[in-house]
Amino acid sequence: MYMRPFLLNVFISKRFVHAKVMHRGTSKVISVATTNARDLRNSLPSLTDHNACRVIGKLIAERSKEADLFALSYENGII
């Protein structure tokens, strides 16, 4: 089975939402988006609701497209 080399890692805590795209083999981070960032923290009413997750999803998608990345796998962040 072919494994896609890029991995989407999403972590949702009680305080913030964090998503990153990284290369599976080299562990190089391609793009990151978090509600803990200064610009999003001030503009979002809640850092963990559905709207915050939607904003993080759109932001990580835009940043990944800028890096010419169009296919990846998903992994739920467990910490």
N, C-alpha and C. Protein backbone atom coordinates (compact mmCIF):
# COMPACT_ATOMS: atom_id res chain seq x y z
N MET A 1 0.83 -1.19 0.00
CA MET A 1 0.00 0.00 0.00
C MET A 1 0.88 1.25 0.00
N TYR A 2 0.52 2.21 -0.83
CA TYR A 2 1.26 3.46 -0.92
C TYR A 2 0.90 4.35 0.26
N MET A 3 1.91 4.87 0.92
CA MET A 3 1.68 5.80 2.03
C MET A 3 2.02 7.20 1.57
N ARG A 4 1.13 8.12 1.78
CA ARG A 4 1.39 9.50 1.41
C ARG A 4 2.47 10.06 2.32
N PRO A 5 3.41 10.80 1.75
CA PRO A 5 4.55 11.25 2.55
C PRO A 5 4.24 12.40 3.51
N PHE A 6 3.12 13.10 3.29
CA PHE A 6 2.80 14.23 4.16
C PHE A 6 1.68 13.86 5.11
N LEU A 7 1.76 14.38 6.32
CA LEU A 7 0.88 14.00 7.41
C LEU A 7 0.25 15.24 8.03
N LEU A 8 -1.06 15.23 8.22
CA LEU A 8 -1.77 16.30 8.92
C LEU A 8 -1.96 15.86 10.36
N ASN A 9 -1.45 16.64 11.29
CA ASN A 9 -1.57 16.34 12.70
C ASN A 9 -2.41 17.44 13.34
N VAL A 10 -3.53 17.08 13.97
CA VAL A 10 -4.43 18.04 14.60
C VAL A 10 -4.51 17.74 16.09
N PHE A 11 -4.34 18.77 16.91
CA PHE A 11 -4.46 18.62 18.35
C PHE A 11 -5.47 19.64 18.85
N ILE A 12 -6.49 19.17 19.57
CA ILE A 12 -7.52 20.05 20.12
C ILE A 12 -7.50 19.88 21.63
N SER A 13 -7.20 20.96 22.34
CA SER A 13 -7.22 20.92 23.79
C SER A 13 -8.38 21.76 24.30
N LYS A 14 -8.49 21.92 25.58
CA LYS A 14 -9.55 22.75 26.15
C LYS A 14 -9.27 24.23 25.95
N ARG A 15 -8.00 24.58 25.61
CA ARG A 15 -7.63 25.98 25.49
C ARG A 15 -7.37 26.45 24.07
N PHE A 16 -6.96 25.56 23.16
CA PHE A 16 -6.62 25.99 21.80
C PHE A 16 -6.70 24.82 20.83
N VAL A 17 -6.61 25.15 19.53
CA VAL A 17 -6.57 24.16 18.45
C VAL A 17 -5.26 24.37 17.70
N HIS A 18 -4.55 23.27 17.43
CA HIS A 18 -3.25 23.34 16.77
C HIS A 18 -3.23 22.32 15.64
N ALA A 19 -2.81 22.74 14.45
CA ALA A 19 -2.70 21.83 13.30
C ALA A 19 -1.37 22.07 12.60
N LYS A 20 -0.75 20.99 12.15
CA LYS A 20 0.49 21.12 11.39
C LYS A 20 0.55 20.04 10.33
N VAL A 21 1.23 20.37 9.23
CA VAL A 21 1.49 19.42 8.15
C VAL A 21 2.99 19.18 8.14
N MET A 22 3.37 17.90 8.18
CA MET A 22 4.79 17.58 8.20
C MET A 22 5.10 16.43 7.27
N HIS A 23 6.36 16.34 6.85
CA HIS A 23 6.82 15.25 6.01
C HIS A 23 7.06 14.04 6.90
N ARG A 24 6.49 12.91 6.53
CA ARG A 24 6.56 11.72 7.36
C ARG A 24 7.99 11.19 7.52
N GLY A 25 8.78 11.23 6.47
CA GLY A 25 10.12 10.66 6.51
C GLY A 25 11.15 11.54 7.20
N THR A 26 11.10 12.84 6.93
CA THR A 26 12.11 13.76 7.47
C THR A 26 11.64 14.53 8.69
N SER A 27 10.36 14.47 9.01
CA SER A 27 9.75 15.21 10.13
C SER A 27 9.86 16.72 9.95
N LYS A 28 10.06 17.18 8.72
CA LYS A 28 10.11 18.61 8.44
C LYS A 28 8.69 19.17 8.43
N VAL A 29 8.47 20.25 9.17
CA VAL A 29 7.15 20.88 9.24
C VAL A 29 6.96 21.77 8.02
N ILE A 30 5.87 21.54 7.30
CA ILE A 30 5.57 22.29 6.08
C ILE A 30 4.72 23.52 6.39
N SER A 31 3.68 23.34 7.20
CA SER A 31 2.82 24.47 7.57
C SER A 31 2.21 24.23 8.95
N VAL A 32 1.95 25.34 9.65
CA VAL A 32 1.40 25.29 11.00
C VAL A 32 0.31 26.34 11.11
N ALA A 33 -0.75 26.01 11.85
CA ALA A 33 -1.80 26.97 12.17
C ALA A 33 -2.30 26.66 13.57
N THR A 34 -2.47 27.68 14.39
CA THR A 34 -2.95 27.49 15.75
C THR A 34 -3.79 28.69 16.17
N THR A 35 -4.78 28.43 17.01
CA THR A 35 -5.60 29.53 17.53
C THR A 35 -4.86 30.28 18.62
N ASN A 36 -3.72 29.78 19.03
CA ASN A 36 -2.90 30.44 20.03
C ASN A 36 -2.05 31.56 19.43
N ALA A 37 -2.07 31.70 18.11
CA ALA A 37 -1.33 32.77 17.44
C ALA A 37 -1.96 34.12 17.80
N ARG A 38 -1.13 35.13 17.85
CA ARG A 38 -1.58 36.43 18.33
C ARG A 38 -2.72 37.01 17.49
N ASP A 39 -2.62 36.91 16.16
CA ASP A 39 -3.66 37.51 15.31
C ASP A 39 -4.99 36.78 15.44
N LEU A 40 -4.98 35.45 15.56
CA LEU A 40 -6.23 34.70 15.70
C LEU A 40 -6.79 34.80 17.12
N ARG A 41 -5.92 34.83 18.10
CA ARG A 41 -6.37 34.90 19.50
C ARG A 41 -7.20 36.15 19.75
N ASN A 42 -6.82 37.25 19.11
CA ASN A 42 -7.54 38.51 19.31
C ASN A 42 -8.80 38.61 18.46
N SER A 43 -8.88 37.86 17.36
CA SER A 43 -10.02 38.01 16.45
C SER A 43 -11.12 36.97 16.68
N LEU A 44 -10.82 35.85 17.32
CA LEU A 44 -11.83 34.81 17.54
C LEU A 44 -12.45 34.94 18.92
N PRO A 45 -13.78 34.82 19.03
CA PRO A 45 -14.42 34.89 20.35
C PRO A 45 -14.09 33.68 21.23
N SER A 46 -13.96 32.50 20.63
CA SER A 46 -13.59 31.29 21.36
C SER A 46 -12.47 30.59 20.58
N LEU A 47 -11.50 30.04 21.29
CA LEU A 47 -10.35 29.41 20.64
C LEU A 47 -10.55 27.92 20.41
N THR A 48 -11.70 27.36 20.83
CA THR A 48 -11.89 25.90 20.72
C THR A 48 -13.22 25.48 20.12
N ASP A 49 -14.06 26.40 19.68
CA ASP A 49 -15.36 26.01 19.15
C ASP A 49 -15.26 25.60 17.68
N HIS A 50 -16.41 25.29 17.08
CA HIS A 50 -16.44 24.84 15.69
C HIS A 50 -15.92 25.91 14.74
N ASN A 51 -16.23 27.16 15.01
CA ASN A 51 -15.76 28.24 14.15
C ASN A 51 -14.23 28.33 14.18
N ALA A 52 -13.63 28.17 15.33
CA ALA A 52 -12.17 28.20 15.44
C ALA A 52 -11.55 27.05 14.66
N CYS A 53 -12.15 25.87 14.74
CA CYS A 53 -11.64 24.71 13.99
C CYS A 53 -11.76 24.95 12.49
N ARG A 54 -12.85 25.57 12.07
CA ARG A 54 -13.04 25.88 10.65
C ARG A 54 -11.98 26.87 10.17
N VAL A 55 -11.71 27.89 10.96
CA VAL A 55 -10.69 28.88 10.60
C VAL A 55 -9.31 28.24 10.49
N ILE A 56 -8.97 27.37 11.43
CA ILE A 56 -7.69 26.67 11.40
C ILE A 56 -7.61 25.76 10.18
N GLY A 57 -8.70 25.09 9.84
CA GLY A 57 -8.72 24.23 8.66
C GLY A 57 -8.48 25.01 7.38
N LYS A 58 -9.13 26.15 7.24
CA LYS A 58 -8.93 26.98 6.05
C LYS A 58 -7.51 27.53 5.99
N LEU A 59 -6.99 27.93 7.14
CA LEU A 59 -5.64 28.50 7.18
C LEU A 59 -4.58 27.46 6.85
N ILE A 60 -4.70 26.26 7.39
CA ILE A 60 -3.72 25.21 7.11
C ILE A 60 -3.82 24.76 5.65
N ALA A 61 -5.03 24.79 5.08
CA ALA A 61 -5.20 24.44 3.67
C ALA A 61 -4.54 25.48 2.77
N GLU A 62 -4.72 26.76 3.07
CA GLU A 62 -4.11 27.82 2.27
C GLU A 62 -2.58 27.74 2.34
N ARG A 63 -2.05 27.53 3.53
CA ARG A 63 -0.60 27.47 3.69
C ARG A 63 -0.02 26.23 3.02
N SER A 64 -0.76 25.14 3.02
CA SER A 64 -0.29 23.92 2.36
C SER A 64 -0.31 24.08 0.84
N LYS A 65 -1.34 24.74 0.32
CA LYS A 65 -1.40 24.99 -1.13
C LYS A 65 -0.26 25.90 -1.57
N GLU A 66 0.10 26.88 -0.73
CA GLU A 66 1.22 27.76 -1.06
C GLU A 66 2.53 26.97 -1.16
N ALA A 67 2.62 25.88 -0.41
CA ALA A 67 3.82 25.03 -0.44
C ALA A 67 3.70 23.93 -1.50
N ASP A 68 2.72 24.04 -2.40
CA ASP A 68 2.47 23.06 -3.47
C ASP A 68 2.21 21.66 -2.93
N LEU A 69 1.43 21.57 -1.89
CA LEU A 69 1.09 20.29 -1.28
C LEU A 69 -0.41 20.09 -1.44
N PHE A 70 -0.82 19.01 -2.11
CA PHE A 70 -2.23 18.82 -2.40
C PHE A 70 -2.78 17.50 -1.89
N ALA A 71 -1.94 16.58 -1.40
CA ALA A 71 -2.41 15.29 -0.90
C ALA A 71 -1.65 14.96 0.38
N LEU A 72 -2.38 14.52 1.41
CA LEU A 72 -1.76 14.16 2.67
C LEU A 72 -2.61 13.17 3.43
N SER A 73 -2.06 12.62 4.49
CA SER A 73 -2.78 11.71 5.37
C SER A 73 -3.14 12.45 6.64
N TYR A 74 -4.11 11.92 7.39
CA TYR A 74 -4.54 12.55 8.63
C TYR A 74 -4.16 11.67 9.81
N GLU A 75 -3.68 12.32 10.87
CA GLU A 75 -3.39 11.62 12.11
C GLU A 75 -3.87 12.49 13.26
N ASN A 76 -4.68 11.92 14.13
CA ASN A 76 -5.20 12.66 15.27
C ASN A 76 -4.10 12.79 16.32
N GLY A 77 -3.88 14.00 16.82
CA GLY A 77 -2.85 14.23 17.82
C GLY A 77 -3.28 13.72 19.18
N ILE A 78 -2.48 12.85 19.76
CA ILE A 78 -2.77 12.31 21.08
C ILE A 78 -1.59 12.66 21.98
N ILE A 79 -1.85 13.50 22.97
CA ILE A 79 -0.80 13.88 23.91
C ILE A 79 -1.30 13.69 25.32
